[in-house]
Amino acid sequence: MLKNIFIKDKKKRKIFLKNYIKKQCLKSILYNENLPLQIRWQASVLQYKLKISISKLKKRCILTNRSHSTISNFKLSRIQLRKLVSSGLISGLTKSSW
């Protein structure tokens, strides 16, 4: 079950990256005022047809593929981050104790 989720997530990210590059190109055409209005209109229509957005992607841990409580700076879940910090594998961070 978890492996299927990982494969689907990987596929979504691949499609998003491909469409993101297209969308950025169309956006630059759309905001270029030196181009004729007809070309800019066609670019806006094509940009609207690219459906996938970044909101459909979910942050996931790169080690365990866990989706809840993922620290975005490290792309790790809090559990894995704590393990790596306590073993000293991440420099600059220490496990705090009161």
PDB file of N, CA and C in Angstrom:
ATOM      1  N   MET A   1       0.830  -1.198   0.000  1.00  0.00           N
ATOM      2  CA  MET A   1       0.000   0.000   0.000  1.00  0.00           C
ATOM      3  C   MET A   1       0.869   1.254   0.000  1.00  0.00           C
ATOM      4  N   LEU A   2       1.839   1.292   0.890  1.00  0.00           N
ATOM      5  CA  LEU A   2       2.705   2.469   0.986  1.00  0.00           C
ATOM      6  C   LEU A   2       3.559   2.627  -0.269  1.00  0.00           C
ATOM      7  N   LYS A   3       3.959   1.499  -0.851  1.00  0.00           N
ATOM      8  CA  LYS A   3       4.768   1.556  -2.061  1.00  0.00           C
ATOM      9  C   LYS A   3       3.971   2.165  -3.218  1.00  0.00           C
ATOM     10  N   ASN A   4       2.661   1.833  -3.295  1.00  0.00           N
ATOM     11  CA  ASN A   4       1.813   2.402  -4.340  1.00  0.00           C
ATOM     12  C   ASN A   4       1.676   3.909  -4.176  1.00  0.00           C
ATOM     13  N   ILE A   5       1.540   4.367  -2.941  1.00  0.00           N
ATOM     14  CA  ILE A   5       1.447   5.806  -2.679  1.00  0.00           C
ATOM     15  C   ILE A   5       2.730   6.496  -3.102  1.00  0.00           C
ATOM     16  N   PHE A   6       3.858   5.870  -2.809  1.00  0.00           N
ATOM     17  CA  PHE A   6       5.159   6.441  -3.180  1.00  0.00           C
ATOM     18  C   PHE A   6       5.284   6.538  -4.699  1.00  0.00           C
ATOM     19  N   ILE A   7       4.846   5.515  -5.418  1.00  0.00           N
ATOM     20  CA  ILE A   7       4.932   5.517  -6.882  1.00  0.00           C
ATOM     21  C   ILE A   7       4.011   6.597  -7.466  1.00  0.00           C
ATOM     22  N   LYS A   8       2.795   6.715  -6.930  1.00  0.00           N
ATOM     23  CA  LYS A   8       1.866   7.745  -7.403  1.00  0.00           C
ATOM     24  C   LYS A   8       2.420   9.142  -7.148  1.00  0.00           C
ATOM     25  N   ASP A   9       3.005   9.344  -5.966  1.00  0.00           N
ATOM     26  CA  ASP A   9       3.568  10.648  -5.622  1.00  0.00           C
ATOM     27  C   ASP A   9       4.722  10.997  -6.552  1.00  0.00           C
ATOM     28  N   LYS A  10       5.546  10.022  -6.848  1.00  0.00           N
ATOM     29  CA  LYS A  10       6.683  10.249  -7.743  1.00  0.00           C
ATOM     30  C   LYS A  10       6.194  10.619  -9.141  1.00  0.00           C
ATOM     31  N   LYS A  11       5.134   9.952  -9.595  1.00  0.00           N
ATOM     32  CA  LYS A  11       4.573  10.236 -10.915  1.00  0.00           C
ATOM     33  C   LYS A  11       3.979  11.644 -10.952  1.00  0.00           C
ATOM     34  N   LYS A  12       3.256  12.037  -9.878  1.00  0.00           N
ATOM     35  CA  LYS A  12       2.687  13.386  -9.810  1.00  0.00           C
ATOM     36  C   LYS A  12       3.769  14.453  -9.864  1.00  0.00           C
ATOM     37  N   ARG A  13       4.866  14.216  -9.136  1.00  0.00           N
ATOM     38  CA  ARG A  13       5.954  15.191  -9.124  1.00  0.00           C
ATOM     39  C   ARG A  13       6.613  15.319 -10.493  1.00  0.00           C
ATOM     40  N   LYS A  14       6.733  14.219 -11.199  1.00  0.00           N
ATOM     41  CA  LYS A  14       7.324  14.239 -12.533  1.00  0.00           C
ATOM     42  C   LYS A  14       6.444  15.033 -13.497  1.00  0.00           C
ATOM     43  N   ILE A  15       5.126  14.789 -13.445  1.00  0.00           N
ATOM     44  CA  ILE A  15       4.182  15.510 -14.297  1.00  0.00           C
ATOM     45  C   ILE A  15       4.176  16.992 -13.941  1.00  0.00           C
ATOM     46  N   PHE A  16       4.212  17.286 -12.631  1.00  0.00           N
ATOM     47  CA  PHE A  16       4.214  18.686 -12.205  1.00  0.00           C
ATOM     48  C   PHE A  16       5.445  19.413 -12.731  1.00  0.00           C
ATOM     49  N   LEU A  17       6.616  18.774 -12.640  1.00  0.00           N
ATOM     50  CA  LEU A  17       7.842  19.425 -13.099  1.00  0.00           C
ATOM     51  C   LEU A  17       7.788  19.699 -14.596  1.00  0.00           C
ATOM     52  N   LYS A  18       7.287  18.724 -15.351  1.00  0.00           N
ATOM     53  CA  LYS A  18       7.179  18.908 -16.793  1.00  0.00           C
ATOM     54  C   LYS A  18       6.218  20.047 -17.116  1.00  0.00           C
ATOM     55  N   ASN A  19       5.067  20.067 -16.454  1.00  0.00           N
ATOM     56  CA  ASN A  19       4.084  21.117 -16.705  1.00  0.00           C
ATOM     57  C   ASN A  19       4.512  22.456 -16.134  1.00  0.00           C
ATOM     58  N   TYR A  20       5.313  22.457 -15.076  1.00  0.00           N
ATOM     59  CA  TYR A  20       5.785  23.705 -14.473  1.00  0.00           C
ATOM     60  C   TYR A  20       6.673  24.471 -15.452  1.00  0.00           C
ATOM     61  N   ILE A  21       7.534  23.757 -16.139  1.00  0.00           N
ATOM     62  CA  ILE A  21       8.412  24.403 -17.119  1.00  0.00           C
ATOM     63  C   ILE A  21       7.580  24.994 -18.257  1.00  0.00           C
ATOM     64  N   LYS A  22       6.601  24.231 -18.740  1.00  0.00           N
ATOM     65  CA  LYS A  22       5.720  24.738 -19.791  1.00  0.00           C
ATOM     66  C   LYS A  22       4.943  25.959 -19.308  1.00  0.00           C
ATOM     67  N   LYS A  23       4.441  25.867 -18.074  1.00  0.00           N
ATOM     68  CA  LYS A  23       3.629  26.952 -17.529  1.00  0.00           C
ATOM     69  C   LYS A  23       4.445  28.230 -17.377  1.00  0.00           C
ATOM     70  N   GLN A  24       5.701  28.115 -16.965  1.00  0.00           N
ATOM     71  CA  GLN A  24       6.553  29.297 -16.821  1.00  0.00           C
ATOM     72  C   GLN A  24       6.844  29.931 -18.184  1.00  0.00           C
ATOM     73  N   CYS A  25       7.039  29.105 -19.207  1.00  0.00           N
ATOM     74  CA  CYS A  25       7.256  29.649 -20.553  1.00  0.00           C
ATOM     75  C   CYS A  25       6.019  30.379 -21.056  1.00  0.00           C
ATOM     76  N   LEU A  26       4.865  29.769 -20.843  1.00  0.00           N
ATOM     77  CA  LEU A  26       3.619  30.419 -21.269  1.00  0.00           C
ATOM     78  C   LEU A  26       3.361  31.703 -20.484  1.00  0.00           C
ATOM     79  N   LYS A  27       3.732  31.699 -19.217  1.00  0.00           N
ATOM     80  CA  LYS A  27       3.545  32.888 -18.393  1.00  0.00           C
ATOM     81  C   LYS A  27       4.423  34.036 -18.884  1.00  0.00           C
ATOM     82  N   SER A  28       5.663  33.717 -19.278  1.00  0.00           N
ATOM     83  CA  SER A  28       6.539  34.772 -19.790  1.00  0.00           C
ATOM     84  C   SER A  28       6.009  35.329 -21.105  1.00  0.00           C
ATOM     85  N   ILE A  29       5.407  34.483 -21.937  1.00  0.00           N
ATOM     86  CA  ILE A  29       4.782  34.961 -23.182  1.00  0.00           C
ATOM     87  C   ILE A  29       3.578  35.838 -22.856  1.00  0.00           C
ATOM     88  N   LEU A  30       2.813  35.422 -21.868  1.00  0.00           N
ATOM     89  CA  LEU A  30       1.593  36.138 -21.496  1.00  0.00           C
ATOM     90  C   LEU A  30       1.889  37.558 -21.008  1.00  0.00           C
ATOM     91  N   TYR A  31       2.943  37.726 -20.242  1.00  0.00           N
ATOM     92  CA  TYR A  31       3.256  39.045 -19.681  1.00  0.00           C
ATOM     93  C   TYR A  31       4.184  39.890 -20.555  1.00  0.00           C
ATOM     94  N   ASN A  32       4.594  39.366 -21.703  1.00  0.00           N
ATOM     95  CA  ASN A  32       5.433  40.121 -22.621  1.00  0.00           C
ATOM     96  C   ASN A  32       4.545  41.044 -23.452  1.00  0.00           C
ATOM     97  N   GLU A  33       4.631  42.319 -23.198  1.00  0.00           N
ATOM     98  CA  GLU A  33       3.757  43.276 -23.882  1.00  0.00           C
ATOM     99  C   GLU A  33       4.236  43.626 -25.284  1.00  0.00           C
ATOM    100  N   ASN A  34       5.406  43.166 -25.692  1.00  0.00           N
ATOM    101  CA  ASN A  34       5.894  43.413 -27.043  1.00  0.00           C
ATOM    102  C   ASN A  34       5.252  42.479 -28.060  1.00  0.00           C
ATOM    103  N   LEU A  35       4.656  41.383 -27.596  1.00  0.00           N
ATOM    104  CA  LEU A  35       4.020  40.416 -28.492  1.00  0.00           C
ATOM    105  C   LEU A  35       2.595  40.855 -28.811  1.00  0.00           C
ATOM    106  N   PRO A  36       2.072  40.399 -29.957  1.00  0.00           N
ATOM    107  CA  PRO A  36       0.683  40.744 -30.309  1.00  0.00           C
ATOM    108  C   PRO A  36      -0.315  40.123 -29.331  1.00  0.00           C
ATOM    109  N   LEU A  37      -1.462  40.733 -29.260  1.00  0.00           N
ATOM    110  CA  LEU A  37      -2.495  40.312 -28.313  1.00  0.00           C
ATOM    111  C   LEU A  37      -3.011  38.901 -28.608  1.00  0.00           C
ATOM    112  N   GLN A  38      -3.066  38.529 -29.876  1.00  0.00           N
ATOM    113  CA  GLN A  38      -3.572  37.204 -30.250  1.00  0.00           C
ATOM    114  C   GLN A  38      -2.652  36.091 -29.730  1.00  0.00           C
ATOM    115  N   ILE A  39      -1.366  36.266 -29.825  1.00  0.00           N
ATOM    116  CA  ILE A  39      -0.416  35.265 -29.325  1.00  0.00           C
ATOM    117  C   ILE A  39      -0.493  35.179 -27.803  1.00  0.00           C
ATOM    118  N   ARG A  40      -0.618  36.323 -27.154  1.00  0.00           N
ATOM    119  CA  ARG A  40      -0.729  36.322 -25.688  1.00  0.00           C
ATOM    120  C   ARG A  40      -2.023  35.645 -25.242  1.00  0.00           C
ATOM    121  N   TRP A  41      -3.104  35.820 -26.005  1.00  0.00           N
ATOM    122  CA  TRP A  41      -4.377  35.176 -25.678  1.00  0.00           C
ATOM    123  C   TRP A  41      -4.259  33.652 -25.805  1.00  0.00           C
ATOM    124  N   GLN A  42      -3.601  33.202 -26.855  1.00  0.00           N
ATOM    125  CA  GLN A  42      -3.404  31.758 -27.035  1.00  0.00           C
ATOM    126  C   GLN A  42      -2.553  31.175 -25.915  1.00  0.00           C
ATOM    127  N   ALA A  43      -1.578  31.925 -25.467  1.00  0.00           N
ATOM    128  CA  ALA A  43      -0.737  31.468 -24.353  1.00  0.00           C
ATOM    129  C   ALA A  43      -1.553  31.356 -23.072  1.00  0.00           C
ATOM    130  N   SER A  44      -2.484  32.282 -22.859  1.00  0.00           N
ATOM    131  CA  SER A  44      -3.314  32.213 -21.650  1.00  0.00           C
ATOM    132  C   SER A  44      -4.254  31.012 -21.693  1.00  0.00           C
ATOM    133  N   VAL A  45      -4.775  30.696 -22.876  1.00  0.00           N
ATOM    134  CA  VAL A  45      -5.652  29.525 -23.015  1.00  0.00           C
ATOM    135  C   VAL A  45      -4.869  28.245 -22.751  1.00  0.00           C
ATOM    136  N   LEU A  46      -3.676  28.139 -23.300  1.00  0.00           N
ATOM    137  CA  LEU A  46      -2.841  26.949 -23.091  1.00  0.00           C
ATOM    138  C   LEU A  46      -2.420  26.822 -21.629  1.00  0.00           C
ATOM    139  N   GLN A  47      -2.145  27.944 -20.994  1.00  0.00           N
ATOM    140  CA  GLN A  47      -1.752  27.920 -19.587  1.00  0.00           C
ATOM    141  C   GLN A  47      -2.906  27.442 -18.712  1.00  0.00           C
ATOM    142  N   TYR A  48      -4.112  27.808 -19.068  1.00  0.00           N
ATOM    143  CA  TYR A  48      -5.282  27.384 -18.303  1.00  0.00           C
ATOM    144  C   TYR A  48      -5.509  25.875 -18.412  1.00  0.00           C
ATOM    145  N   LYS A  49      -5.146  25.289 -19.562  1.00  0.00           N
ATOM    146  CA  LYS A  49      -5.355  23.859 -19.779  1.00  0.00           C
ATOM    147  C   LYS A  49      -4.397  22.985 -18.971  1.00  0.00           C
ATOM    148  N   LEU A  50      -3.262  23.534 -18.547  1.00  0.00           N
ATOM    149  CA  LEU A  50      -2.338  22.759 -17.716  1.00  0.00           C
ATOM    150  C   LEU A  50      -2.930  22.663 -16.320  1.00  0.00           C
ATOM    151  N   LYS A  51      -3.458  21.501 -15.979  1.00  0.00           N
ATOM    152  CA  LYS A  51      -4.292  21.347 -14.793  1.00  0.00           C
ATOM    153  C   LYS A  51      -3.511  21.221 -13.490  1.00  0.00           C
ATOM    154  N   ILE A  52      -2.453  20.440 -13.463  1.00  0.00           N
ATOM    155  CA  ILE A  52      -1.837  20.082 -12.179  1.00  0.00           C
ATOM    156  C   ILE A  52      -1.202  21.314 -11.532  1.00  0.00           C
ATOM    157  N   SER A  53      -1.448  21.453 -10.247  1.00  0.00           N
ATOM    158  CA  SER A  53      -0.907  22.585  -9.516  1.00  0.00           C
ATOM    159  C   SER A  53      -0.069  22.091  -8.349  1.00  0.00           C
ATOM    160  N   ILE A  54       0.669  22.994  -7.753  1.00  0.00           N
ATOM    161  CA  ILE A  54       1.548  22.619  -6.645  1.00  0.00           C
ATOM    162  C   ILE A  54       0.740  22.243  -5.404  1.00  0.00           C
ATOM    163  N   SER A  55      -0.505  22.685  -5.315  1.00  0.00           N
ATOM    164  CA  SER A  55      -1.313  22.361  -4.143  1.00  0.00           C
ATOM    165  C   SER A  55      -1.681  20.878  -4.094  1.00  0.00           C
ATOM    166  N   LYS A  56      -1.579  20.174  -5.213  1.00  0.00           N
ATOM    167  CA  LYS A  56      -1.888  18.750  -5.231  1.00  0.00           C
ATOM    168  C   LYS A  56      -0.721  17.909  -4.725  1.00  0.00           C
ATOM    169  N   LEU A  57       0.453  18.502  -4.618  1.00  0.00           N
ATOM    170  CA  LEU A  57       1.612  17.773  -4.119  1.00  0.00           C
ATOM    171  C   LEU A  57       1.646  17.858  -2.599  1.00  0.00           C
ATOM    172  N   LYS A  58       2.081  16.784  -1.978  1.00  0.00           N
ATOM    173  CA  LYS A  58       2.133  16.731  -0.535  1.00  0.00           C
ATOM    174  C   LYS A  58       3.579  16.559  -0.100  1.00  0.00           C
ATOM    175  N   LYS A  59       3.959  17.262   0.981  1.00  0.00           N
ATOM    176  CA  LYS A  59       5.319  17.109   1.493  1.00  0.00           C
ATOM    177  C   LYS A  59       5.476  15.712   2.064  1.00  0.00           C
ATOM    178  N   ARG A  60       6.549  15.030   1.697  1.00  0.00           N
ATOM    179  CA  ARG A  60       6.794  13.675   2.187  1.00  0.00           C
ATOM    180  C   ARG A  60       8.250  13.538   2.604  1.00  0.00           C
ATOM    181  N   CYS A  61       8.460  12.673   3.591  1.00  0.00           N
ATOM    182  CA  CYS A  61       9.811  12.372   4.062  1.00  0.00           C
ATOM    183  C   CYS A  61      10.537  11.583   2.980  1.00  0.00           C
ATOM    184  N   ILE A  62      11.802  11.918   2.729  1.00  0.00           N
ATOM    185  CA  ILE A  62      12.537  11.228   1.681  1.00  0.00           C
ATOM    186  C   ILE A  62      13.031   9.858   2.134  1.00  0.00           C
ATOM    187  N   LEU A  63      13.050   9.599   3.433  1.00  0.00           N
ATOM    188  CA  LEU A  63      13.496   8.297   3.925  1.00  0.00           C
ATOM    189  C   LEU A  63      12.351   7.312   4.110  1.00  0.00           C
ATOM    190  N   THR A  64      11.258   7.764   4.713  1.00  0.00           N
ATOM    191  CA  THR A  64      10.166   6.851   5.059  1.00  0.00           C
ATOM    192  C   THR A  64       8.896   7.092   4.260  1.00  0.00           C
ATOM    193  N   ASN A  65       8.832   8.157   3.484  1.00  0.00           N
ATOM    194  CA  ASN A  65       7.656   8.532   2.701  1.00  0.00           C
ATOM    195  C   ASN A  65       6.470   8.899   3.590  1.00  0.00           C
ATOM    196  N   ARG A  66       6.740   9.313   4.826  1.00  0.00           N
ATOM    197  CA  ARG A  66       5.693   9.735   5.751  1.00  0.00           C
ATOM    198  C   ARG A  66       5.236  11.141   5.374  1.00  0.00           C
ATOM    199  N   SER A  67       3.916  11.373   5.403  1.00  0.00           N
ATOM    200  CA  SER A  67       3.402  12.662   4.960  1.00  0.00           C
ATOM    201  C   SER A  67       3.130  13.624   6.118  1.00  0.00           C
ATOM    202  N   HIS A  68       2.917  13.111   7.316  1.00  0.00           N
ATOM    203  CA  HIS A  68       2.588  13.976   8.443  1.00  0.00           C
ATOM    204  C   HIS A  68       3.847  14.500   9.120  1.00  0.00           C
ATOM    205  N   SER A  69       3.777  15.733   9.571  1.00  0.00           N
ATOM    206  CA  SER A  69       4.844  16.433  10.300  1.00  0.00           C
ATOM    207  C   SER A  69       6.201  16.289   9.632  1.00  0.00           C
ATOM    208  N   THR A  70       6.253  16.759   8.394  1.00  0.00           N
ATOM    209  CA  THR A  70       7.503  16.762   7.637  1.00  0.00           C
ATOM    210  C   THR A  70       8.133  18.141   7.740  1.00  0.00           C
ATOM    211  N   ILE A  71       9.410  18.193   8.117  1.00  0.00           N
ATOM    212  CA  ILE A  71      10.143  19.454   8.209  1.00  0.00           C
ATOM    213  C   ILE A  71      10.634  19.800   6.801  1.00  0.00           C
ATOM    214  N   SER A  72      10.156  20.918   6.259  1.00  0.00           N
ATOM    215  CA  SER A  72      10.419  21.222   4.850  1.00  0.00           C
ATOM    216  C   SER A  72      11.880  21.583   4.578  1.00  0.00           C
ATOM    217  N   ASN A  73      12.595  22.140   5.548  1.00  0.00           N
ATOM    218  CA  ASN A  73      13.994  22.491   5.313  1.00  0.00           C
ATOM    219  C   ASN A  73      14.864  21.267   5.062  1.00  0.00           C
ATOM    220  N   PHE A  74      14.533  20.171   5.720  1.00  0.00           N
ATOM    221  CA  PHE A  74      15.330  18.954   5.613  1.00  0.00           C
ATOM    222  C   PHE A  74      14.661  17.874   4.778  1.00  0.00           C
ATOM    223  N   LYS A  75      13.378  18.027   4.475  1.00  0.00           N
ATOM    224  CA  LYS A  75      12.566  17.033   3.773  1.00  0.00           C
ATOM    225  C   LYS A  75      12.570  15.702   4.520  1.00  0.00           C
ATOM    226  N   LEU A  76      12.507  15.798   5.838  1.00  0.00           N
ATOM    227  CA  LEU A  76      12.482  14.620   6.702  1.00  0.00           C
ATOM    228  C   LEU A  76      11.314  14.745   7.670  1.00  0.00           C
ATOM    229  N   SER A  77      10.792  13.592   8.090  1.00  0.00           N
ATOM    230  CA  SER A  77       9.758  13.619   9.117  1.00  0.00           C
ATOM    231  C   SER A  77      10.421  13.931  10.456  1.00  0.00           C
ATOM    232  N   ARG A  78       9.621  14.343  11.414  1.00  0.00           N
ATOM    233  CA  ARG A  78      10.181  14.730  12.712  1.00  0.00           C
ATOM    234  C   ARG A  78      10.840  13.545  13.406  1.00  0.00           C
ATOM    235  N   ILE A  79      10.326  12.344  13.177  1.00  0.00           N
ATOM    236  CA  ILE A  79      10.884  11.148  13.808  1.00  0.00           C
ATOM    237  C   ILE A  79      12.272  10.854  13.249  1.00  0.00           C
ATOM    238  N   GLN A  80      12.401  10.872  11.927  1.00  0.00           N
ATOM    239  CA  GLN A  80      13.699  10.601  11.299  1.00  0.00           C
ATOM    240  C   GLN A  80      14.696  11.714  11.603  1.00  0.00           C
ATOM    241  N   LEU A  81      14.217  12.957  11.638  1.00  0.00           N
ATOM    242  CA  LEU A  81      15.092  14.078  11.964  1.00  0.00           C
ATOM    243  C   LEU A  81      15.650  13.927  13.373  1.00  0.00           C
ATOM    244  N   ARG A  82      14.801  13.523  14.295  1.00  0.00           N
ATOM    245  CA  ARG A  82      15.242  13.337  15.681  1.00  0.00           C
ATOM    246  C   ARG A  82      16.281  12.224  15.785  1.00  0.00           C
ATOM    247  N   LYS A  83      16.075  11.121  15.049  1.00  0.00           N
ATOM    248  CA  LYS A  83      17.041  10.018  15.060  1.00  0.00           C
ATOM    249  C   LYS A  83      18.401  10.462  14.516  1.00  0.00           C
ATOM    250  N   LEU A  84      18.362  11.195  13.393  1.00  0.00           N
ATOM    251  CA  LEU A  84      19.615  11.628  12.775  1.00  0.00           C
ATOM    252  C   LEU A  84      20.339  12.669  13.625  1.00  0.00           C
ATOM    253  N   VAL A  85      19.577  13.548  14.270  1.00  0.00           N
ATOM    254  CA  VAL A  85      20.193  14.566  15.127  1.00  0.00           C
ATOM    255  C   VAL A  85      20.814  13.917  16.355  1.00  0.00           C
ATOM    256  N   SER A  86      20.117  12.966  16.972  1.00  0.00           N
ATOM    257  CA  SER A  86      20.641  12.337  18.186  1.00  0.00           C
ATOM    258  C   SER A  86      21.858  11.469  17.892  1.00  0.00           C
ATOM    259  N   SER A  87      21.951  10.941  16.673  1.00  0.00           N
ATOM    260  CA  SER A  87      23.149  10.169  16.322  1.00  0.00           C
ATOM    261  C   SER A  87      24.269  11.062  15.791  1.00  0.00           C
ATOM    262  N   GLY A  88      23.988  12.351  15.596  1.00  0.00           N
ATOM    263  CA  GLY A  88      25.024  13.306  15.195  1.00  0.00           C
ATOM    264  C   GLY A  88      25.289  13.348  13.706  1.00  0.00           C
ATOM    265  N   LEU A  89      24.378  12.876  12.893  1.00  0.00           N
ATOM    266  CA  LEU A  89      24.593  12.859  11.449  1.00  0.00           C
ATOM    267  C   LEU A  89      24.251  14.169  10.758  1.00  0.00           C
ATOM    268  N   ILE A  90      23.494  15.043  11.431  1.00  0.00           N
ATOM    269  CA  ILE A  90      23.169  16.358  10.884  1.00  0.00           C
ATOM    270  C   ILE A  90      23.959  17.383  11.673  1.00  0.00           C
ATOM    271  N   SER A  91      24.848  18.082  10.962  1.00  0.00           N
ATOM    272  CA  SER A  91      25.700  19.042  11.649  1.00  0.00           C
ATOM    273  C   SER A  91      24.931  20.325  11.941  1.00  0.00           C
ATOM    274  N   GLY A  92      25.223  20.942  13.063  1.00  0.00           N
ATOM    275  CA  GLY A  92      24.610  22.207  13.419  1.00  0.00           C
ATOM    276  C   GLY A  92      23.367  22.064  14.262  1.00  0.00           C
ATOM    277  N   LEU A  93      22.854  20.873  14.418  1.00  0.00           N
ATOM    278  CA  LEU A  93      21.657  20.650  15.224  1.00  0.00           C
ATOM    279  C   LEU A  93      21.986  19.710  16.378  1.00  0.00           C
ATOM    280  N   THR A  94      21.403  19.999  17.520  1.00  0.00           N
ATOM    281  CA  THR A  94      21.544  19.086  18.661  1.00  0.00           C
ATOM    282  C   THR A  94      20.175  18.853  19.265  1.00  0.00           C
ATOM    283  N   LYS A  95      20.011  17.695  19.849  1.00  0.00           N
ATOM    284  CA  LYS A  95      18.753  17.375  20.515  1.00  0.00           C
ATOM    285  C   LYS A  95      18.732  18.137  21.828  1.00  0.00           C
ATOM    286  N   SER A  96      17.669  18.905  22.007  1.00  0.00           N
ATOM    287  CA  SER A  96      17.607  19.720  23.226  1.00  0.00           C
ATOM    288  C   SER A  96      17.092  18.881  24.394  1.00  0.00           C
ATOM    289  N   SER A  97      17.580  19.203  25.571  1.00  0.00           N
ATOM    290  CA  SER A  97      17.084  18.538  26.782  1.00  0.00           C
ATOM    291  C   SER A  97      16.908  19.615  27.847  1.00  0.00           C
ATOM    292  N   TRP A  98      15.882  19.457  28.647  1.00  0.00           N
ATOM    293  CA  TRP A  98      15.546  20.483  29.640  1.00  0.00           C
ATOM    294  C   TRP A  98      16.162  20.188  30.941  1.00  0.00           C
TER     295      TRP A  98
END
